Protein backbone atom coordinates (compact mmCIF):
# COMPACT_ATOMS: atom_id res chain seq x y z
CA MET A 1 -24.10 21.75 -14.32
CA ARG A 2 -25.64 19.89 -11.16
CA GLU A 3 -23.85 21.13 -8.09
CA ILE A 4 -23.08 19.51 -5.09
CA ALA A 5 -25.04 19.74 -1.58
CA VAL A 6 -23.53 20.85 0.99
CA PRO A 7 -24.09 20.93 4.76
CA LEU A 8 -23.46 24.56 5.12
CA PRO A 9 -24.48 27.34 3.09
CA LEU A 10 -21.64 28.69 0.96
CA GLY A 11 -21.71 31.25 -2.15
CA ARG A 12 -21.86 30.48 -5.60
CA ALA A 13 -18.68 30.57 -6.23
CA GLN A 14 -17.24 28.30 -3.60
CA ALA A 15 -20.02 26.15 -4.57
CA ILE A 16 -19.05 25.70 -8.23
CA ARG A 17 -15.25 25.24 -7.18
CA ILE A 18 -16.70 21.96 -5.34
CA SER A 19 -18.53 20.96 -8.75
CA SER A 20 -15.12 21.79 -10.62
CA THR A 21 -13.20 19.79 -8.00
CA VAL A 22 -15.42 17.00 -8.17
CA LEU A 23 -15.63 16.94 -12.34
CA TRP A 24 -11.82 16.89 -12.10
CA VAL A 25 -11.02 14.05 -9.95
CA ALA A 26 -13.36 12.09 -11.44
CA ALA A 27 -11.79 12.79 -14.73
CA ILE A 28 -8.57 11.95 -12.99
CA THR A 29 -10.14 8.88 -12.12
CA THR A 30 -11.30 8.05 -15.49
CA VAL A 31 -7.94 8.46 -17.41
CA ALA A 32 -6.44 5.85 -14.33
CA LEU A 33 -8.91 3.62 -15.26
CA ALA A 34 -8.70 3.33 -18.60
CA LEU A 35 -4.76 2.99 -18.36
CA ARG A 36 -4.68 -0.21 -16.10
CA LEU A 37 -7.64 -1.86 -18.68
CA PHE A 38 -5.74 -0.88 -21.95
CA TRP A 39 -2.60 -2.67 -20.15
CA VAL A 40 -4.83 -5.42 -18.60
CA PHE A 41 -6.23 -6.65 -22.22
CA TYR A 42 -2.47 -5.78 -24.01
CA THR A 43 -0.68 -8.19 -22.06
CA ASP A 44 -1.34 -11.91 -21.11
CA ALA A 45 0.20 -12.44 -17.31
CA VAL A 46 -1.42 -15.72 -16.37
CA PRO A 47 -0.61 -16.76 -12.82
CA ALA A 48 0.49 -20.16 -13.83
CA GLY A 49 2.53 -20.47 -10.38
CA GLY A 50 3.51 -18.37 -6.93
CA ASP A 51 1.50 -16.47 -4.92
CA PRO A 52 -0.87 -15.07 -7.44
CA ASN A 53 -1.72 -18.77 -8.66
CA TRP A 54 -2.40 -19.51 -5.03
CA TYR A 55 -4.70 -16.31 -4.56
CA LEU A 56 -6.82 -16.98 -7.38
CA VAL A 57 -7.53 -20.68 -6.87
CA VAL A 58 -8.37 -20.26 -2.95
CA GLY A 59 -10.42 -17.32 -4.15
CA ILE A 60 -12.17 -19.83 -6.56
CA ASN A 61 -12.61 -22.19 -3.83
CA LEU A 62 -14.55 -19.68 -2.28
CA ALA A 63 -16.83 -19.06 -4.62
CA LYS A 64 -17.35 -22.89 -5.35
CA GLY A 65 -18.08 -23.46 -1.80
CA PHE A 66 -14.96 -25.71 -0.67
CA GLY A 67 -13.68 -23.08 1.78
CA TYR A 68 -10.42 -21.71 2.48
CA VAL A 69 -8.25 -24.37 0.70
CA ALA A 70 -5.67 -24.72 -1.81
CA PRO A 71 -5.68 -28.57 -3.05
CA ARG A 72 -2.84 -29.78 -5.25
CA ASP A 73 -2.02 -32.19 -7.94
CA ARG A 74 0.64 -34.19 -8.93
CA ASN A 75 3.00 -31.33 -9.67
CA LEU A 76 1.97 -29.56 -6.64
CA TYR A 77 0.41 -26.63 -8.18
CA GLN A 78 -2.34 -26.08 -6.55
CA ILE A 79 -5.34 -26.51 -7.94
CA VAL A 80 -9.43 -25.58 -7.84
CA GLY A 81 -11.61 -28.44 -5.66
CA PRO A 82 -12.13 -29.70 -2.00
CA GLY A 83 -9.03 -29.65 0.13
CA GLN A 84 -7.46 -28.88 3.89
CA PRO A 85 -8.11 -25.53 5.62
CA THR A 86 -5.29 -23.43 5.03
CA ALA A 87 -4.07 -19.95 6.43
CA PHE A 88 -0.98 -19.11 4.74
CA TRP A 89 -1.58 -15.96 3.32
CA PRO A 90 -3.48 -13.41 3.97
CA PRO A 91 -7.51 -13.96 3.12
CA GLY A 92 -8.22 -10.04 2.21
CA TYR A 93 -7.70 -11.08 -1.24
CA PRO A 94 -8.88 -14.60 -2.55
CA PHE A 95 -12.38 -13.47 -0.51
CA ALA A 96 -12.56 -10.23 -2.48
CA PHE A 97 -11.78 -12.69 -5.53
CA ALA A 98 -14.85 -14.69 -4.13
CA ALA A 99 -17.03 -12.08 -4.46
CA LEU A 100 -15.78 -11.00 -7.90
CA PHE A 101 -16.94 -14.52 -9.02
CA LYS A 102 -19.97 -14.89 -7.60
CA LEU A 103 -21.30 -12.08 -9.12
CA PHE A 104 -19.39 -11.86 -12.90
CA GLY A 105 -18.48 -15.91 -13.09
CA VAL A 106 -14.79 -16.97 -12.79
CA SER A 107 -12.22 -15.58 -14.92
CA VAL A 108 -8.68 -14.65 -15.04
CA THR A 109 -9.25 -11.46 -16.88
CA HIS A 110 -12.36 -10.79 -14.17
CA ALA A 111 -9.61 -11.01 -11.67
CA LYS A 112 -6.99 -8.48 -13.70
CA VAL A 113 -10.20 -6.26 -14.22
CA LEU A 114 -11.03 -6.04 -10.63
CA ASN A 115 -7.35 -5.01 -9.87
CA ALA A 116 -7.44 -2.19 -13.02
CA ALA A 117 -11.03 -1.04 -10.66
CA LEU A 118 -9.37 -1.10 -7.48
CA GLY A 119 -6.32 1.33 -8.53
CA ALA A 120 -8.39 3.79 -10.39
CA ALA A 121 -10.85 3.77 -7.25
CA THR A 122 -7.70 4.65 -5.09
CA VAL A 123 -7.08 7.98 -6.98
CA PRO A 124 -9.97 10.05 -5.08
CA PHE A 125 -8.77 8.61 -1.72
CA VAL A 126 -5.05 10.52 -3.18
CA PHE A 127 -7.01 13.83 -3.83
CA GLY A 128 -8.55 13.60 -0.61
CA LEU A 129 -5.12 12.97 1.27
CA GLY A 130 -3.16 15.31 -0.63
CA SER A 131 -6.02 18.08 -0.63
CA SER A 132 -6.09 17.47 3.23
CA ILE A 133 -2.61 18.01 3.87
CA PHE A 134 -1.01 20.46 1.27
CA GLY A 135 -4.60 22.12 -0.24
CA ARG A 136 -6.55 21.09 -3.27
CA ARG A 137 -4.16 21.98 -6.14
CA ALA A 138 -1.59 19.88 -4.81
CA GLY A 139 -4.19 17.24 -4.01
CA LEU A 140 -5.42 17.07 -7.53
CA THR A 141 -1.86 17.23 -8.74
CA SER A 142 -1.06 14.13 -6.73
CA ALA A 143 -4.00 12.47 -7.96
CA LEU A 144 -2.76 12.43 -11.54
CA VAL A 145 0.78 11.82 -10.90
CA PHE A 146 -0.55 8.54 -9.38
CA ALA A 147 -2.85 8.31 -12.29
CA VAL A 148 -0.48 7.60 -14.94
CA LEU A 149 2.94 6.12 -13.10
CA PRO A 150 3.84 3.78 -14.63
CA SER A 151 4.60 1.46 -11.68
CA ALA A 152 1.56 2.39 -10.73
CA ILE A 153 0.02 0.59 -13.99
CA VAL A 154 2.25 -1.96 -15.13
CA TRP A 155 1.90 -4.19 -11.80
CA THR A 156 -2.09 -4.30 -12.76
CA PRO A 157 -2.43 -7.30 -14.34
CA VAL A 158 0.04 -9.60 -11.66
CA LEU A 159 -2.76 -11.16 -9.48
CA PHE A 160 -1.04 -10.11 -6.40
CA PRO A 161 -3.11 -8.22 -3.72
CA GLU A 162 -1.46 -4.88 -4.00
CA PRO A 163 -3.93 -2.74 -5.07
CA LEU A 164 -6.39 -3.84 -2.84
CA PHE A 165 -4.09 -3.28 -0.33
CA THR A 166 -3.49 0.32 -1.46
CA LEU A 167 -7.23 0.71 -1.97
CA LEU A 168 -7.42 0.23 1.79
CA PHE A 169 -3.93 1.59 3.42
CA VAL A 170 -4.68 5.27 1.35
CA ALA A 171 -8.16 5.45 2.27
CA ALA A 172 -7.17 4.57 6.32
CA LEU A 173 -5.31 7.79 5.90
CA TRP A 174 -7.50 9.53 4.54
CA LEU A 175 -10.07 8.88 7.36
CA LEU A 176 -7.72 10.13 9.97
CA VAL A 177 -7.08 13.79 8.33
CA ALA A 178 -10.85 13.84 6.88
CA PRO A 179 -13.38 15.99 8.91
CA ALA A 180 -15.49 14.65 10.72
CA PRO A 181 -19.43 15.74 11.81
CA ALA A 182 -19.89 17.42 14.16
CA SER A 183 -22.86 14.82 15.03
CA LEU A 184 -20.55 11.92 14.86
CA PRO A 185 -17.03 13.31 16.32
CA TRP A 186 -15.76 9.29 16.63
CA ARG A 187 -16.90 8.37 12.97
CA ASN A 188 -13.75 8.80 11.33
CA VAL A 189 -12.01 6.64 14.38
CA VAL A 190 -14.07 3.84 14.16
CA ALA A 191 -13.67 4.01 10.36
CA PHE A 192 -10.31 4.18 10.65
CA GLY A 193 -10.53 0.72 12.78
CA LEU A 194 -12.30 -1.09 10.61
CA VAL A 195 -10.24 -0.60 7.06
CA THR A 196 -7.13 -0.65 9.38
CA GLY A 197 -8.35 -4.54 9.82
CA MET A 198 -9.69 -4.74 6.40
CA ALA A 199 -5.97 -3.51 5.14
CA THR A 200 -4.30 -6.17 7.89
CA LEU A 201 -6.37 -9.37 6.76
CA THR A 202 -5.00 -8.45 2.99
CA ARG A 203 -0.84 -7.41 3.59
CA GLY A 204 0.37 -7.80 7.39
CA GLU A 205 1.71 -3.94 6.62
CA GLY A 206 -1.80 -2.60 7.58
CA ALA A 207 -0.21 -3.15 11.13
CA VAL A 208 2.03 -0.05 10.24
CA LEU A 209 -0.91 2.29 10.15
CA VAL A 210 -1.36 1.73 13.90
CA PRO A 211 1.72 3.97 15.22
CA VAL A 212 1.11 6.39 12.06
CA ALA A 213 -2.17 6.87 13.64
CA ILE A 214 -1.32 7.10 16.61
CA THR A 215 1.89 9.61 15.96
CA TYR A 216 -0.85 11.84 14.32
CA TRP A 217 -3.30 11.57 17.06
CA LEU A 218 -0.38 12.87 19.52
CA ALA A 219 0.68 15.17 17.49
CA ARG A 220 -2.98 16.52 16.72
CA GLY A 221 -4.47 16.74 20.59
CA GLY A 222 -2.09 15.33 22.70
CA LEU A 223 -1.49 12.21 24.91
CA ARG A 224 -5.63 11.65 27.03
CA PRO A 225 -7.65 12.48 23.34
CA ALA A 226 -4.82 10.10 21.67
CA ALA A 227 -5.18 7.42 23.91
CA ARG A 228 -9.03 7.27 23.80
CA GLN A 229 -9.18 7.52 20.32
CA ALA A 230 -6.22 4.42 20.14
CA ALA A 231 -8.30 2.47 22.04
CA VAL A 232 -11.39 2.18 20.01
CA ALA A 233 -9.84 1.98 16.63
CA LEU A 234 -7.45 -1.09 18.28
CA ALA A 235 -11.08 -2.27 19.82
CA VAL A 236 -12.86 -1.82 16.22
CA MET A 237 -9.43 -3.39 14.45
CA ILE A 238 -9.44 -6.48 16.49
CA ALA A 239 -12.52 -7.09 16.11
CA THR A 240 -12.98 -7.50 12.15
CA ILE A 241 -9.73 -9.33 12.56
CA ALA A 242 -11.15 -11.91 15.13
CA PRO A 243 -13.57 -13.88 13.18
CA TRP A 244 -10.78 -14.75 10.90
CA THR A 245 -8.72 -15.48 13.99
CA ILE A 246 -11.21 -17.70 15.58
CA ARG A 247 -11.64 -19.87 11.83
CA ASN A 248 -8.21 -20.30 11.94
CA ALA A 249 -8.25 -21.85 15.68
CA VAL A 250 -11.47 -24.19 14.82
CA GLU A 251 -9.61 -25.27 11.26
CA LEU A 252 -5.59 -25.26 12.42
CA HIS A 253 -5.92 -25.60 15.58
CA ALA A 254 -3.90 -22.90 16.66
CA PHE A 255 -3.70 -19.25 17.63
CA VAL A 256 -2.63 -17.50 14.10
CA PRO A 257 -4.01 -14.21 14.17
CA VAL A 258 -4.26 -13.25 10.24
CA SER A 259 -1.62 -15.77 8.34
CA THR A 260 0.87 -18.67 8.68
CA ASN A 261 3.64 -17.02 6.38
CA GLY A 262 4.70 -14.56 8.92
CA GLY A 263 6.67 -17.56 10.15
CA SER A 264 8.65 -17.84 6.88
CA VAL A 265 9.19 -14.41 6.28
CA LEU A 266 10.52 -13.64 8.90
CA ARG A 267 12.98 -16.53 8.73
CA SER A 268 13.64 -15.50 5.01
CA GLY A 269 14.98 -11.73 6.89
CA HIS A 270 16.76 -13.69 9.75
CA SER A 271 19.07 -16.57 8.60
CA PRO A 272 22.59 -17.33 7.80
CA GLU A 273 21.14 -17.45 4.01
CA ALA A 274 19.39 -14.15 4.24
CA THR A 275 20.45 -11.29 1.52
CA GLY A 276 17.72 -8.68 2.98
CA TYR A 277 15.22 -10.31 -0.57
CA THR A 278 12.37 -12.24 -0.21
CA LEU A 279 12.91 -16.29 -0.57
CA TRP A 280 12.43 -19.72 0.71
CA THR A 281 15.10 -20.72 3.12
CA THR A 282 16.81 -23.97 2.98
CA ASP A 283 16.75 -25.03 6.56
CA GLU A 284 13.75 -27.57 7.31
CA VAL A 285 10.98 -28.37 9.98
CA ASN A 286 10.53 -32.03 10.74
CA GLY A 287 11.82 -32.66 7.72
CA VAL A 288 9.85 -30.35 5.71
CA PRO A 289 11.08 -27.63 3.53
CA MET A 290 9.93 -24.10 3.86
CA GLU A 291 8.45 -24.41 0.60
CA GLN A 292 6.10 -27.37 1.19
CA SER A 293 5.27 -26.37 4.72
CA LEU A 294 1.97 -24.70 3.09
CA TYR A 295 1.18 -28.05 1.70
CA ARG A 296 -0.80 -29.24 5.31
CA PRO A 297 -2.36 -27.51 8.08
CA ASP A 298 -0.23 -29.32 10.32
CA TRP A 299 3.29 -28.33 8.58
CA GLU A 300 2.37 -25.06 8.27
CA VAL A 301 1.48 -24.18 12.28
CA GLU A 302 4.41 -25.73 13.00
CA SER A 303 6.76 -23.95 10.47
CA TYR A 304 4.99 -21.24 11.81
CA ARG A 305 6.32 -21.54 15.56
CA VAL A 306 9.66 -22.43 14.35
CA TYR A 307 10.55 -20.03 11.66
CA THR A 308 9.57 -17.63 14.28
CA ARG A 309 11.59 -18.88 17.02
CA ARG A 310 14.40 -19.38 14.61
CA ALA A 311 14.48 -15.82 13.36
CA ILE A 312 14.34 -14.18 16.66
CA GLY A 313 17.05 -16.08 18.02
CA TYR A 314 19.09 -15.16 15.02
CA ALA A 315 18.24 -11.51 15.37
CA PHE A 316 19.29 -11.43 19.11
CA THR A 317 22.60 -13.41 18.51
CA HIS A 318 24.04 -11.58 14.95
CA PRO A 319 23.45 -8.00 15.78
CA VAL A 320 26.45 -7.30 13.15
CA ARG A 321 24.79 -8.93 10.63
CA GLU A 322 21.42 -7.60 11.34
CA VAL A 323 22.76 -4.41 10.90
CA GLN A 324 24.03 -5.41 7.29
CA LEU A 325 20.98 -6.99 6.38
CA SER A 326 18.63 -4.01 7.27
CA GLY A 327 20.47 -1.82 4.68
CA LEU A 328 19.79 -4.69 2.42
CA LYS A 329 16.37 -4.87 3.17
CA LEU A 330 15.71 -1.20 2.52
CA TYR A 331 17.54 -1.20 -1.38
CA HIS A 332 15.32 -4.39 -1.88
CA THR A 333 12.58 -2.35 -0.43
CA TYR A 334 13.45 0.73 -2.46
CA ARG A 335 14.43 -0.61 -5.51
CA SER A 336 12.97 -0.08 -9.35
CA ASP A 337 9.86 -1.57 -9.97
CA ALA A 338 12.00 -3.47 -13.39
CA GLY A 339 12.40 -6.23 -11.08
CA MET A 340 8.81 -7.28 -11.70
CA MET A 341 9.02 -7.78 -14.97
CA PRO A 342 9.85 -11.80 -14.86
CA TRP A 343 5.82 -11.69 -13.18
CA LEU A 344 5.17 -10.01 -16.95
CA THR A 345 6.79 -11.88 -19.25
CA THR A 346 7.61 -15.80 -17.64
CA LEU A 347 5.57 -17.96 -15.49
CA GLY A 348 3.14 -18.90 -18.32
CA SER A 349 2.67 -15.20 -19.86
CA THR A 350 2.47 -14.04 -23.01
CA PRO A 351 5.72 -12.52 -23.98
CA LEU A 352 5.24 -9.04 -24.47
CA HIS A 353 5.21 -7.85 -27.77
CA PRO A 354 6.81 -5.66 -30.19
CA ALA A 355 10.06 -7.53 -29.72
CA GLY A 356 11.44 -3.80 -27.95
CA LEU A 357 8.42 -3.44 -25.61
CA ARG A 358 10.18 -5.46 -22.57
CA ASP A 359 13.40 -3.31 -22.78
CA ALA A 360 11.33 -0.27 -23.04
CA LEU A 361 9.35 -0.87 -19.90
CA TRP A 362 12.86 -1.73 -18.08
CA TYR A 363 14.35 1.65 -18.35
CA LEU A 364 10.56 3.29 -18.23
CA LEU A 365 10.23 1.57 -14.78
CA THR A 366 13.20 2.10 -13.69
CA TYR A 367 14.02 6.45 -14.72
CA SER A 368 10.08 7.01 -13.59
CA TYR A 369 10.09 5.05 -10.22
CA TYR A 370 13.72 6.64 -9.67
CA VAL A 371 13.22 10.10 -10.54
CA LEU A 372 9.51 10.05 -8.60
CA PHE A 373 11.77 8.39 -5.16
CA PHE A 374 14.98 10.70 -5.38
CA ALA A 375 12.78 13.90 -6.03
CA THR A 376 10.57 12.90 -2.95
CA VAL A 377 13.76 12.33 -0.45
CA ALA A 378 14.95 15.80 -1.86
CA SER A 379 11.44 17.47 -1.34
CA VAL A 380 11.66 16.23 2.51
CA PRO A 381 13.09 19.38 3.75
CA PHE A 382 10.64 21.56 1.77
CA TRP A 383 7.30 19.85 3.11
CA LEU A 384 8.45 18.72 6.95
CA ARG A 385 6.93 20.66 9.43
CA ARG A 386 5.56 20.04 12.47
CA GLU A 387 1.90 19.82 11.48
CA PRO A 388 -0.59 17.08 12.27
CA GLY A 389 -0.43 16.10 8.63
CA ARG A 390 2.92 16.24 7.41
CA LEU A 391 4.18 14.44 10.57
CA LEU A 392 1.94 11.65 9.29
CA LEU A 393 3.34 11.38 5.80
CA SER A 394 6.78 11.29 7.50
CA ALA A 395 5.58 8.63 9.99
CA VAL A 396 4.08 6.27 6.97
CA PHE A 397 7.71 6.40 5.78
CA VAL A 398 9.34 5.76 8.69
CA PHE A 399 7.21 2.70 10.21
CA TRP A 400 6.87 1.27 6.59
CA SER A 401 10.83 0.98 6.78
CA LEU A 402 10.87 -0.72 10.13
CA PHE A 403 8.20 -2.63 9.17
CA HIS A 404 10.32 -4.22 6.26
CA ILE A 405 13.33 -4.20 8.64
CA VAL A 406 11.82 -6.45 10.91
CA PHE A 407 10.59 -8.61 7.82
CA THR A 408 12.48 -8.68 4.87
CA GLY A 409 12.04 -6.56 1.50
CA ASP A 410 10.63 -7.21 -1.87
CA VAL A 411 11.06 -5.02 -4.86
CA ARG A 412 6.67 -4.84 -4.84
CA TYR A 413 6.84 -3.86 -1.29
CA HIS A 414 6.80 -0.20 -2.07
CA ILE A 415 3.86 0.23 -4.05
CA PRO A 416 1.23 0.97 -1.68
CA LEU A 417 3.83 3.74 -1.28
CA LEU A 418 3.57 5.52 -4.55
CA PRO A 419 0.48 7.62 -3.81
CA LEU A 420 2.34 8.81 -0.89
CA PHE A 421 5.06 9.28 -3.17
CA ALA A 422 2.90 11.48 -5.13
CA ILE A 423 1.54 13.65 -2.36
CA ALA A 424 4.75 14.30 -1.33
CA LEU A 425 6.81 15.30 -4.22
CA VAL A 426 3.96 17.54 -5.14
CA GLY A 427 3.64 18.97 -1.79
CA GLY A 428 7.43 19.53 -1.14
CA ALA A 429 7.40 21.04 -5.11
CA GLN A 430 4.80 23.14 -3.92
CA SER A 431 6.23 24.25 -0.73
CA ALA A 432 9.75 25.21 -2.96
CA VAL A 433 7.44 27.73 -4.80
CA ASP A 434 6.06 29.17 -1.93
CA VAL A 435 9.01 29.81 -0.52
CA ALA A 436 10.53 31.24 -2.94
CA ARG A 437 7.63 33.30 -3.76
CA GLY A 438 7.93 34.66 -0.68
CA ALA A 439 11.80 35.55 -0.85
CA PHE A 440 11.54 37.36 -4.00
CA ALA A 441 8.24 39.36 -2.84
CA ARG A 442 10.07 40.57 0.37
CA LEU A 443 13.61 40.72 -1.96
CA LYS A 444 11.53 43.38 -3.71
CA ALA A 445 9.97 44.88 -1.13
CA GLY A 446 13.27 45.08 0.06
CA ARG A 447 13.82 47.28 -3.16
CA TYR A 448 11.20 49.45 -2.92
CA THR A 449 12.17 50.65 0.21
CA THR A 450 15.91 51.34 -0.04
CA SER A 451 14.50 53.36 -2.90
CA ALA A 452 12.65 55.42 -1.15
CA THR A 453 14.92 56.10 1.40
CA LEU A 454 17.28 57.02 -1.19
CA ASP A 455 14.74 59.61 -2.93
CA ALA A 456 13.29 61.01 0.01
CA PRO A 457 14.00 64.82 0.87
CA ILE A 458 16.88 65.87 3.24
CA VAL A 459 15.54 68.03 5.38
């Protein structure tokens, strides 16, 4: 068995342990890929409408040289071909499709296999993050939990950007806790800024990584080092996003940092119709309904601005309603993944076979997710300490929740947190076992001490 070369001299036992760890991570990653590929080829989720079809069409148009465009047919469905520029959704996922299609050809199957590969590629980073916070054993167990978790697998064939975003999100968190070489002390900070920029270009929640990192750096080194690290990371992040912002300024003649759907999402969470769940509101901008605001660049930009102003105005004038909506947003963000079933069984997809599979999946997704979620919540008292790594974990949950209170909730918005749930649960269970062992050892030692005292001769 080939051992991994390391910069520092290690004993044979430690080298064998590293080799063993690599093999375990590779095996778990292979299991994760096999399960996701099986589900991709077993199902027939066709992106016939909605966000998945938009991402796919824009990716194809990029690959064919038409640009970042999404023209429509007479029924207002996105079609492949030249059209007007758009920036309605973030560009990361369509550009990933474009690169894939350039290399392997245009195919929905290729796109779904990419999702499977991205999900499996997340496993080593789950291990790295978990082992940095709770140790090697917890890292391996967390990676295994994520690899086989039904919620992380069943979403795979649906062409949402969550697999790509989750990979970038966990990789960025790992960069925070991973040791940097002495010769390149700022390597991880620069890499974190780069990956955070890429994550933000994939989903808006990437911005959550900034306050999470600041919390971690403050806990680890204090104010001045944290300020320097934050400044460098923000500079790299902005430099990563800037080319796309400049493109939007040229093509849309407006300042749009990433995408124009931010105004629609914000309005969805702050309006008289808001329910805490992502929806198209019925209020129009210059006679254009929200669901049609992405049909033309000028409509996109104007709706982006107007819906943002309306959302902020509503939030400041309806404080009681905002408190109610906050609870609803959290509910929809963290509720069962069974809510994604329509994406597998409708919108052009072939019904799941055998006949009872749909109901079985509903129960599997509901119970497995809620067991994971509530067990993670119950584990918090066992692992939460004033240690940088553990504060990092808690900061992710806090700032993620705040982000969706500001915007809105949706059942798929907790998918990137599944690896963190696994790490927190396993770390909490391990901490609970350690506490129990310590208490038992003290109790046992106390019994021996008492017995020795009683048996001592009286002088």
